[in-house]
Amino acid sequence: MTWDGCDIVECVAGKMSGEPVIKGTRVLAQTIVDNYESGSSVEEISENYPHIPVDAIRKVLAFHERHQLVP
């Protein structure tokens, strides 16, 4: 999946090997998605990553949901 167009995700060469991360952090966007898909609630994810605002977590999840490839 590409994160192009998600305003809170960035890819920076040399930061986490250029993988998409939440802006201003070293947390992979996919990590947020994986946690959610594994059964963690938004609140639990926020507790695990307190430096990421709940609104940012919700935006990442919503962007991911909207941009899934339909088989």
C-alpha atoms as a PDB file:
ATOM      1  CA  MET A   1       0.000   0.000   0.000  1.00  0.00           C
ATOM      2  CA  THR A   2       1.182   3.508  -0.732  1.00  0.00           C
ATOM      3  CA  TRP A   3       0.765   6.278   1.806  1.00  0.00           C
ATOM      4  CA  ASP A   4       1.016   9.046  -0.822  1.00  0.00           C
ATOM      5  CA  GLY A   5      -1.583  11.663  -0.044  1.00  0.00           C
ATOM      6  CA  CYS A   6      -1.749  10.982   3.694  1.00  0.00           C
ATOM      7  CA  ASP A   7      -0.779  14.309   5.216  1.00  0.00           C
ATOM      8  CA  ILE A   8       0.428  12.852   8.514  1.00  0.00           C
ATOM      9  CA  VAL A   9       2.734  10.213   7.030  1.00  0.00           C
ATOM     10  CA  GLU A  10       6.175  10.936   5.643  1.00  0.00           C
ATOM     11  CA  CYS A  11       9.016   9.011   4.039  1.00  0.00           C
ATOM     12  CA  VAL A  12      12.450  10.400   4.826  1.00  0.00           C
ATOM     13  CA  ALA A  13      15.598   8.861   3.384  1.00  0.00           C
ATOM     14  CA  GLY A  14      17.742   7.631   6.261  1.00  0.00           C
ATOM     15  CA  LYS A  15      14.862   7.550   8.727  1.00  0.00           C
ATOM     16  CA  MET A  16      13.568   4.022   9.308  1.00  0.00           C
ATOM     17  CA  SER A  17      15.085   3.040   5.939  1.00  0.00           C
ATOM     18  CA  GLY A  18      12.745   5.451   4.154  1.00  0.00           C
ATOM     19  CA  GLU A  19       9.642   3.534   5.262  1.00  0.00           C
ATOM     20  CA  PRO A  20       6.410   5.539   5.816  1.00  0.00           C
ATOM     21  CA  VAL A  21       6.294   6.888   9.382  1.00  0.00           C
ATOM     22  CA  ILE A  22       3.988   9.149  11.346  1.00  0.00           C
ATOM     23  CA  LYS A  23       5.372  12.662  10.827  1.00  0.00           C
ATOM     24  CA  GLY A  24       7.764  13.716  13.548  1.00  0.00           C
ATOM     25  CA  THR A  25       8.178  10.162  14.861  1.00  0.00           C
ATOM     26  CA  ARG A  26       9.963   6.927  14.073  1.00  0.00           C
ATOM     27  CA  VAL A  27       6.724   4.924  14.291  1.00  0.00           C
ATOM     28  CA  LEU A  28       5.838   3.128  11.082  1.00  0.00           C
ATOM     29  CA  ALA A  29       2.349   3.868   9.787  1.00  0.00           C
ATOM     30  CA  GLN A  30       1.971   0.140   9.180  1.00  0.00           C
ATOM     31  CA  THR A  31       2.700  -0.522  12.874  1.00  0.00           C
ATOM     32  CA  ILE A  32      -0.407   1.462  13.805  1.00  0.00           C
ATOM     33  CA  VAL A  33      -2.471  -0.502  11.284  1.00  0.00           C
ATOM     34  CA  ASP A  34      -1.022  -3.838  12.420  1.00  0.00           C
ATOM     35  CA  ASN A  35      -1.803  -3.068  16.062  1.00  0.00           C
ATOM     36  CA  TYR A  36      -5.382  -2.174  15.184  1.00  0.00           C
ATOM     37  CA  GLU A  37      -5.878  -5.228  12.994  1.00  0.00           C
ATOM     38  CA  SER A  38      -4.492  -7.408  15.802  1.00  0.00           C
ATOM     39  CA  GLY A  39      -7.298  -6.237  18.055  1.00  0.00           C
ATOM     40  CA  SER A  40      -5.891  -3.172  19.810  1.00  0.00           C
ATOM     41  CA  SER A  41      -8.313  -0.290  20.182  1.00  0.00           C
ATOM     42  CA  VAL A  42      -7.366   3.257  19.238  1.00  0.00           C
ATOM     43  CA  GLU A  43      -7.100   4.017  22.944  1.00  0.00           C
ATOM     44  CA  GLU A  44      -4.730   1.083  23.521  1.00  0.00           C
ATOM     45  CA  ILE A  45      -2.566   2.172  20.599  1.00  0.00           C
ATOM     46  CA  SER A  46      -2.498   5.682  22.058  1.00  0.00           C
ATOM     47  CA  GLU A  47      -1.352   4.271  25.401  1.00  0.00           C
ATOM     48  CA  ASN A  48       1.453   2.384  23.652  1.00  0.00           C
ATOM     49  CA  TYR A  49       2.485   5.443  21.619  1.00  0.00           C
ATOM     50  CA  PRO A  50       1.566   8.405  23.872  1.00  0.00           C
ATOM     51  CA  HIS A  51       3.539  10.853  21.717  1.00  0.00           C
ATOM     52  CA  ILE A  52       1.157  10.245  18.788  1.00  0.00           C
ATOM     53  CA  PRO A  53      -2.137  12.133  19.103  1.00  0.00           C
ATOM     54  CA  VAL A  54      -5.300  10.016  19.008  1.00  0.00           C
ATOM     55  CA  ASP A  55      -6.482  12.089  16.049  1.00  0.00           C
ATOM     56  CA  ALA A  56      -3.349  11.091  14.092  1.00  0.00           C
ATOM     57  CA  ILE A  57      -3.967   7.413  14.866  1.00  0.00           C
ATOM     58  CA  ARG A  58      -7.531   7.728  13.611  1.00  0.00           C
ATOM     59  CA  LYS A  59      -6.388   9.511  10.436  1.00  0.00           C
ATOM     60  CA  VAL A  60      -3.862   6.767   9.660  1.00  0.00           C
ATOM     61  CA  LEU A  61      -6.475   4.067  10.165  1.00  0.00           C
ATOM     62  CA  ALA A  62      -9.078   5.917   8.084  1.00  0.00           C
ATOM     63  CA  PHE A  63      -6.592   6.524   5.254  1.00  0.00           C
ATOM     64  CA  HIS A  64      -5.599   2.868   5.295  1.00  0.00           C
ATOM     65  CA  GLU A  65      -9.243   1.781   5.184  1.00  0.00           C
ATOM     66  CA  ARG A  66     -10.035   4.067   2.232  1.00  0.00           C
ATOM     67  CA  HIS A  67      -7.023   2.932   0.224  1.00  0.00           C
ATOM     68  CA  GLN A  68      -7.243  -0.826   0.508  1.00  0.00           C
ATOM     69  CA  LEU A  69      -7.110  -2.756  -2.719  1.00  0.00           C
ATOM     70  CA  VAL A  70     -10.333  -4.626  -3.360  1.00  0.00           C
ATOM     71  CA  PRO A  71      -9.673  -8.159  -4.688  1.00  0.00           C
END
